[in-house]
Amino acid sequence: MKYHLEKSRLYYMEESLGSYTDYGIGVPLKDERVTKILKEFKNSPFLERRRLTHFFLSDLALVHERDFCARTKLDPTGLVLEAYELINDDGSYHRYEPTAATKPLSDFVNRALSHCEGTFLAACNALESGFSYHLGGGMHHAKSDGPGGFCMFNDIVIAIRKLQKEKGLGKCLVVDMDAHKGDGTAQIVANDESIDCVSIHMKDGWPLDNPDKTNSSYIPSTLDIPVTPEDNYLEKLKQIGIFVKDDYDLCIVVQGADVYEKDILESAKGIQLTLEECLERDNYMYELLESKGIPQAWVMAGGYGDEVYRVFQQFVQSKFKA
């Protein structure tokens, strides 16, 4: 397709703003990942700030099982405790201080739904403009039967299936460049021939450290590219260029900043890219999809600590003029 970048949009959902510490959650996802970009682009015609309007259980049901969807109404607090791994097997809290919270955990359901809507809006815009970016989303560890890995609902597959249902999209692609395998996405689309999933990720470590090899995290993606610390990451990335053809109606790119050497999450230390290498990674993927004429919508996914905003910021700056 021909790109109309003047129509490209940078999406942000108002409900997704707010520190995790407001909820007593100690996960090191910093607001600065988004707020620094919002401040820079506050007067930009490319920025669209939206509020949650029309995501319902019927949208979740395109991807998630009935019992899982029902928990959003019946047990929202328990759902958040599970998604963000805030409770130990013995019932004690982990990275969670309820007495320090100023907002209830149950509010997180709407926050998670807003990520789904933002990804959907970005995907819609990509079909018109060729490229869009959502300042959120990328919840690739959420599986059909439950949340996990700081991911409540799989906004990636929800957006694709909603567009397939409402706009008749055909075959679609997910390219996941987060440090961790997109195990939820792989599990959901395992028997769906209309969605291909490519994941370049750490060969070892979470979520591929479960001694039970029958665990659903081991369900293969359409193409898995495992990376070790000894590998040349940017060379391995080129396997995606060999795999991707020009017959996709849409690609959602799961960017992931946890590959950055200054990310502080211990479970992401298997890939350590410089800031320059991160931009080279991202530009390679953008240019590959552009050369194939595939509309592309980007979502943020992982990235932890005070420095990772730079990975997102430099890419957004390179594509939108503040």
Protein backbone atom coordinates (compact mmCIF):
# COMPACT_ATOMS: atom_id res chain seq x y z
CA MET A 1 0.00 0.00 0.00
CA LYS A 2 1.00 3.63 -0.36
CA TYR A 3 1.85 5.25 2.97
CA HIS A 4 0.06 8.48 3.90
CA LEU A 5 2.20 9.45 6.87
CA GLU A 6 0.49 12.82 7.26
CA LYS A 7 -2.49 10.79 8.46
CA SER A 8 -0.45 8.70 10.90
CA ARG A 9 -1.41 9.06 14.54
CA LEU A 10 0.25 8.66 17.92
CA TYR A 11 -2.44 7.29 20.25
CA TYR A 12 -2.72 7.67 23.99
CA MET A 13 -5.54 6.47 26.25
CA GLU A 14 -6.28 8.69 29.24
CA GLU A 15 -7.24 5.75 31.49
CA SER A 16 -3.76 4.25 31.12
CA LEU A 17 -2.09 7.21 32.86
CA GLY A 18 -1.17 6.85 36.50
CA SER A 19 1.65 5.36 38.51
CA TYR A 20 1.54 1.70 39.54
CA THR A 21 2.43 2.89 43.04
CA ASP A 22 -1.01 4.55 43.16
CA TYR A 23 -2.33 1.00 43.40
CA GLY A 24 0.36 -0.20 45.81
CA ILE A 25 2.03 -2.18 43.03
CA GLY A 26 5.83 -2.33 43.05
CA VAL A 27 6.37 -3.36 39.41
CA PRO A 28 9.08 -1.04 37.93
CA LEU A 29 6.97 0.20 35.00
CA LYS A 30 7.58 3.94 35.04
CA ASP A 31 5.12 6.61 33.89
CA GLU A 32 8.03 8.37 32.22
CA ARG A 33 7.87 5.83 29.40
CA VAL A 34 4.81 7.73 28.24
CA THR A 35 4.76 11.12 29.98
CA LYS A 36 8.04 12.30 28.48
CA ILE A 37 6.71 11.60 24.99
CA LEU A 38 3.34 13.18 25.77
CA LYS A 39 5.03 16.34 26.98
CA GLU A 40 7.11 16.57 23.83
CA PHE A 41 4.14 15.96 21.51
CA LYS A 42 1.42 17.79 23.46
CA ASN A 43 0.87 20.31 20.65
CA SER A 44 1.52 17.91 17.80
CA PRO A 45 -1.24 17.29 15.26
CA PHE A 46 -0.17 13.64 15.24
CA LEU A 47 -1.12 13.03 18.90
CA GLU A 48 -4.61 11.77 19.67
CA ARG A 49 -5.59 11.50 23.31
CA ARG A 50 -8.65 9.30 23.72
CA ARG A 51 -10.87 7.95 26.47
CA LEU A 52 -12.20 4.41 26.74
CA THR A 53 -15.52 4.26 24.91
CA HIS A 54 -16.53 0.97 23.40
CA PHE A 55 -14.59 -2.09 24.55
CA PHE A 56 -16.84 -4.77 25.99
CA LEU A 57 -16.78 -8.38 27.10
CA SER A 58 -17.81 -9.38 23.58
CA ASP A 59 -14.49 -7.97 22.32
CA LEU A 60 -12.53 -9.88 24.96
CA ALA A 61 -14.43 -13.02 24.01
CA LEU A 62 -12.88 -12.90 20.55
CA VAL A 63 -9.69 -14.10 22.25
CA HIS A 64 -10.32 -15.07 25.86
CA GLU A 65 -12.35 -17.90 27.35
CA ARG A 66 -15.76 -17.31 28.94
CA ASP A 67 -14.65 -17.91 32.54
CA PHE A 68 -11.71 -15.56 32.13
CA CYS A 69 -13.94 -12.81 30.70
CA ALA A 70 -16.44 -13.26 33.52
CA ARG A 71 -13.75 -12.57 36.10
CA THR A 72 -13.54 -8.96 34.90
CA LYS A 73 -16.92 -8.47 36.61
CA LEU A 74 -16.88 -11.15 39.30
CA ASP A 75 -13.28 -10.99 40.55
CA PRO A 76 -11.44 -7.94 39.16
CA THR A 77 -9.11 -7.69 42.18
CA GLY A 78 -8.10 -11.32 41.94
CA LEU A 79 -7.48 -10.86 38.24
CA VAL A 80 -5.03 -8.03 38.89
CA LEU A 81 -3.27 -9.95 41.66
CA GLU A 82 -2.72 -12.79 39.18
CA ALA A 83 -1.74 -10.65 36.20
CA TYR A 84 0.90 -8.69 38.10
CA GLU A 85 2.06 -11.65 40.20
CA LEU A 86 1.29 -9.84 43.45
CA ILE A 87 0.53 -12.84 45.63
CA ASN A 88 2.64 -15.82 46.65
CA ASP A 89 1.50 -19.42 46.90
CA ASP A 90 1.16 -19.06 50.68
CA GLY A 91 -1.18 -16.07 50.30
CA SER A 92 1.36 -13.41 51.25
CA TYR A 93 1.78 -10.35 49.05
CA HIS A 94 4.64 -9.91 46.58
CA ARG A 95 5.55 -6.41 45.32
CA TYR A 96 2.21 -5.21 46.67
CA GLU A 97 1.52 -2.82 49.57
CA PRO A 98 -2.27 -2.39 49.86
CA THR A 99 -1.91 0.11 52.71
CA ALA A 100 0.06 2.41 50.39
CA ALA A 101 -2.56 2.33 47.63
CA THR A 102 -4.69 5.37 46.83
CA LYS A 103 -6.71 3.59 44.11
CA PRO A 104 -8.43 0.17 44.21
CA LEU A 105 -6.95 -2.72 42.24
CA SER A 106 -10.32 -3.30 40.59
CA ASP A 107 -9.79 -0.05 38.62
CA PHE A 108 -7.14 -1.87 36.65
CA VAL A 109 -9.76 -3.63 34.54
CA ASN A 110 -10.68 -0.39 32.76
CA ARG A 111 -6.99 0.46 32.51
CA ALA A 112 -6.37 -2.86 30.75
CA LEU A 113 -9.39 -2.37 28.49
CA SER A 114 -8.05 1.05 27.50
CA HIS A 115 -4.86 -0.61 26.29
CA CYS A 116 -6.99 -2.87 24.10
CA GLU A 117 -8.88 0.05 22.64
CA GLY A 118 -5.70 2.04 22.01
CA THR A 119 -4.19 -0.83 20.06
CA PHE A 120 -7.39 -1.25 18.08
CA LEU A 121 -7.47 2.47 17.22
CA ALA A 122 -3.83 2.38 16.15
CA ALA A 123 -4.49 -0.65 13.95
CA CYS A 124 -7.44 1.12 12.32
CA ASN A 125 -5.29 4.15 11.63
CA ALA A 126 -2.49 2.00 10.20
CA LEU A 127 -4.90 0.62 7.61
CA GLU A 128 -5.51 4.19 6.44
CA SER A 129 -2.07 5.76 6.84
CA GLY A 130 0.35 2.84 6.69
CA PHE A 131 1.84 3.47 10.15
CA SER A 132 0.61 4.29 13.65
CA TYR A 133 1.88 4.05 17.22
CA HIS A 134 0.07 3.35 20.48
CA LEU A 135 1.67 4.67 23.66
CA GLY A 136 0.65 1.51 25.50
CA GLY A 137 -0.39 -2.04 24.74
CA GLY A 138 1.71 -5.06 23.88
CA MET A 139 0.24 -7.38 26.52
CA HIS A 140 1.69 -10.46 24.88
CA HIS A 141 1.79 -12.76 27.92
CA ALA A 142 -2.01 -12.84 28.38
CA LYS A 143 -3.30 -16.23 27.21
CA SER A 144 -6.72 -17.42 26.20
CA ASP A 145 -7.50 -18.72 29.70
CA GLY A 146 -5.89 -16.12 31.93
CA PRO A 147 -3.51 -13.21 32.52
CA GLY A 148 0.17 -13.30 33.42
CA GLY A 149 3.51 -11.57 33.13
CA PHE A 150 2.10 -8.08 33.85
CA CYS A 151 -0.44 -8.58 31.04
CA MET A 152 -4.19 -8.67 31.65
CA PHE A 153 -5.75 -9.02 28.17
CA ASN A 154 -4.02 -9.73 24.87
CA ASP A 155 -4.72 -6.43 23.12
CA ILE A 156 -2.65 -7.53 20.11
CA VAL A 157 -4.81 -10.47 19.04
CA ILE A 158 -8.02 -8.77 20.19
CA ALA A 159 -7.35 -5.84 17.82
CA ILE A 160 -6.62 -8.16 14.89
CA ARG A 161 -9.65 -10.39 15.41
CA LYS A 162 -11.92 -7.39 15.92
CA LEU A 163 -10.74 -5.97 12.61
CA GLN A 164 -11.10 -9.34 10.89
CA LYS A 165 -14.68 -9.49 12.18
CA GLU A 166 -15.68 -5.88 11.48
CA LYS A 167 -13.61 -4.99 8.40
CA GLY A 168 -13.00 -8.36 6.80
CA LEU A 169 -9.22 -8.36 7.18
CA GLY A 170 -7.49 -11.46 5.90
CA LYS A 171 -4.12 -12.75 7.02
CA CYS A 172 -2.31 -10.66 9.64
CA LEU A 173 1.12 -10.69 11.25
CA VAL A 174 2.49 -10.05 14.73
CA VAL A 175 6.19 -9.24 15.07
CA ASP A 176 7.27 -9.39 18.72
CA MET A 177 10.65 -7.88 19.62
CA ASP A 178 10.23 -7.81 23.41
CA ALA A 179 13.07 -9.52 25.33
CA HIS A 180 10.63 -12.21 26.49
CA LYS A 181 8.88 -14.65 24.19
CA GLY A 182 5.33 -13.61 23.31
CA ASP A 183 4.00 -16.84 24.80
CA GLY A 184 0.41 -15.66 25.23
CA THR A 185 0.12 -14.58 21.62
CA ALA A 186 1.69 -17.85 20.42
CA GLN A 187 -0.74 -19.89 22.51
CA ILE A 188 -3.79 -17.97 21.31
CA VAL A 189 -2.98 -18.13 17.58
CA ALA A 190 -1.50 -21.64 17.55
CA ASN A 191 -4.43 -23.02 15.53
CA ASP A 192 -5.35 -19.81 13.73
CA GLU A 193 -4.07 -19.86 10.15
CA SER A 194 -5.16 -16.25 9.65
CA ILE A 195 -2.52 -14.88 12.06
CA ASP A 196 1.24 -15.47 11.89
CA CYS A 197 3.35 -14.66 14.92
CA VAL A 198 7.10 -14.03 14.86
CA SER A 199 8.95 -13.66 18.16
CA ILE A 200 12.64 -12.76 18.59
CA HIS A 201 13.48 -13.20 22.25
CA MET A 202 15.90 -14.52 24.87
CA LYS A 203 16.57 -18.20 24.37
CA ASP A 204 16.81 -18.81 28.12
CA GLY A 205 14.99 -17.39 31.11
CA TRP A 206 11.38 -16.45 31.78
CA PRO A 207 8.91 -17.58 30.47
CA LEU A 208 11.00 -20.43 29.03
CA ASP A 209 12.39 -21.56 32.39
CA ASN A 210 9.51 -23.79 33.46
CA PRO A 211 10.76 -27.35 34.07
CA ASP A 212 7.41 -28.60 32.79
CA LYS A 213 8.01 -28.57 29.04
CA THR A 214 4.30 -29.20 28.43
CA ASN A 215 3.53 -25.74 29.84
CA SER A 216 1.68 -23.58 27.32
CA SER A 217 4.52 -21.03 27.29
CA TYR A 218 6.43 -23.52 25.14
CA ILE A 219 3.81 -23.53 22.38
CA PRO A 220 5.82 -22.36 19.36
CA SER A 221 5.19 -19.16 17.47
CA THR A 222 4.92 -19.38 13.69
CA LEU A 223 8.59 -18.39 13.78
CA ASP A 224 10.66 -18.26 16.96
CA ILE A 225 14.11 -16.66 16.89
CA PRO A 226 15.84 -17.44 20.20
CA VAL A 227 18.81 -15.22 21.08
CA THR A 228 21.72 -15.92 23.42
CA PRO A 229 24.09 -13.29 24.89
CA GLU A 230 26.74 -14.51 22.44
CA ASP A 231 24.58 -13.95 19.36
CA ASN A 232 24.66 -10.95 17.06
CA TYR A 233 21.11 -9.76 17.66
CA LEU A 234 20.87 -7.54 14.59
CA GLU A 235 22.06 -10.37 12.35
CA LYS A 236 19.47 -12.76 13.81
CA LEU A 237 16.81 -10.11 13.27
CA LYS A 238 17.29 -10.48 9.54
CA GLN A 239 15.60 -13.89 9.72
CA ILE A 240 12.35 -11.94 9.94
CA GLY A 241 13.13 -10.29 6.62
CA ILE A 242 13.47 -13.72 5.02
CA PHE A 243 10.20 -14.92 6.58
CA VAL A 244 7.90 -11.95 5.92
CA LYS A 245 6.13 -11.89 2.55
CA ASP A 246 3.91 -9.12 1.19
CA ASP A 247 0.57 -10.91 1.63
CA TYR A 248 -0.43 -9.57 5.06
CA ASP A 249 -3.27 -7.08 5.52
CA LEU A 250 -1.79 -5.74 8.78
CA CYS A 251 1.18 -6.15 11.10
CA ILE A 252 1.20 -5.28 14.79
CA VAL A 253 4.75 -4.72 16.02
CA VAL A 254 5.41 -5.37 19.71
CA GLN A 255 8.37 -3.07 20.23
CA GLY A 256 9.70 -3.87 23.71
CA ALA A 257 12.38 -1.71 25.35
CA ASP A 258 13.52 -4.38 27.81
CA VAL A 259 16.24 -5.40 25.33
CA TYR A 260 18.00 -2.13 26.25
CA GLU A 261 21.17 -2.57 28.32
CA LYS A 262 19.89 -0.06 30.91
CA ASP A 263 16.61 -1.88 31.53
CA ILE A 264 16.55 -2.89 35.22
CA LEU A 265 14.40 -6.04 35.07
CA GLU A 266 16.59 -9.01 36.00
CA SER A 267 14.57 -11.41 33.87
CA ALA A 268 15.41 -9.37 30.75
CA LYS A 269 19.20 -9.47 31.07
CA GLY A 270 19.60 -12.09 28.35
CA ILE A 271 19.61 -9.36 25.67
CA GLN A 272 21.68 -6.20 26.16
CA LEU A 273 21.43 -3.77 23.24
CA THR A 274 22.81 -0.26 23.19
CA LEU A 275 20.44 2.63 22.55
CA GLU A 276 21.84 2.90 19.02
CA GLU A 277 21.26 -0.81 18.40
CA CYS A 278 17.66 -0.48 19.62
CA LEU A 279 17.00 2.22 17.04
CA GLU A 280 18.70 0.15 14.34
CA ARG A 281 16.43 -2.76 15.29
CA ASP A 282 13.31 -0.62 15.14
CA ASN A 283 14.19 1.12 11.89
CA TYR A 284 14.99 -2.21 10.27
CA MET A 285 11.54 -3.53 11.15
CA TYR A 286 9.77 -0.34 10.08
CA GLU A 287 11.57 -0.24 6.74
CA LEU A 288 11.02 -3.97 6.11
CA LEU A 289 7.26 -3.65 6.54
CA GLU A 290 7.16 -0.41 4.54
CA SER A 291 9.03 -2.08 1.68
CA LYS A 292 6.45 -4.90 1.67
CA GLY A 293 3.54 -2.46 1.69
CA ILE A 294 2.20 -3.90 4.94
CA PRO A 295 0.31 -1.47 7.23
CA GLN A 296 2.01 -1.43 10.63
CA ALA A 297 0.72 -0.51 14.10
CA TRP A 298 3.31 -0.40 16.89
CA VAL A 299 2.69 -1.02 20.61
CA MET A 300 5.09 -0.52 23.51
CA ALA A 301 5.20 -3.75 25.60
CA GLY A 302 8.01 -4.21 28.17
CA GLY A 303 10.55 -1.69 29.40
CA TYR A 304 11.50 -1.15 33.06
CA GLY A 305 13.31 1.54 35.03
CA ASP A 306 14.21 5.19 34.56
CA GLU A 307 16.09 4.96 31.25
CA VAL A 308 13.95 2.82 28.93
CA TYR A 309 11.79 5.74 27.81
CA ARG A 310 14.70 6.65 25.54
CA VAL A 311 14.10 3.55 23.38
CA PHE A 312 10.48 4.49 22.75
CA GLN A 313 11.18 8.20 22.48
CA GLN A 314 13.92 7.99 19.86
CA PHE A 315 11.80 5.82 17.59
CA VAL A 316 8.70 8.01 17.92
CA GLN A 317 10.81 11.11 17.29
CA SER A 318 12.19 9.53 14.13
CA LYS A 319 8.71 8.92 12.71
CA PHE A 320 6.67 11.91 13.95
CA LYS A 321 7.74 15.52 13.97
CA ALA A 322 6.99 17.11 17.36
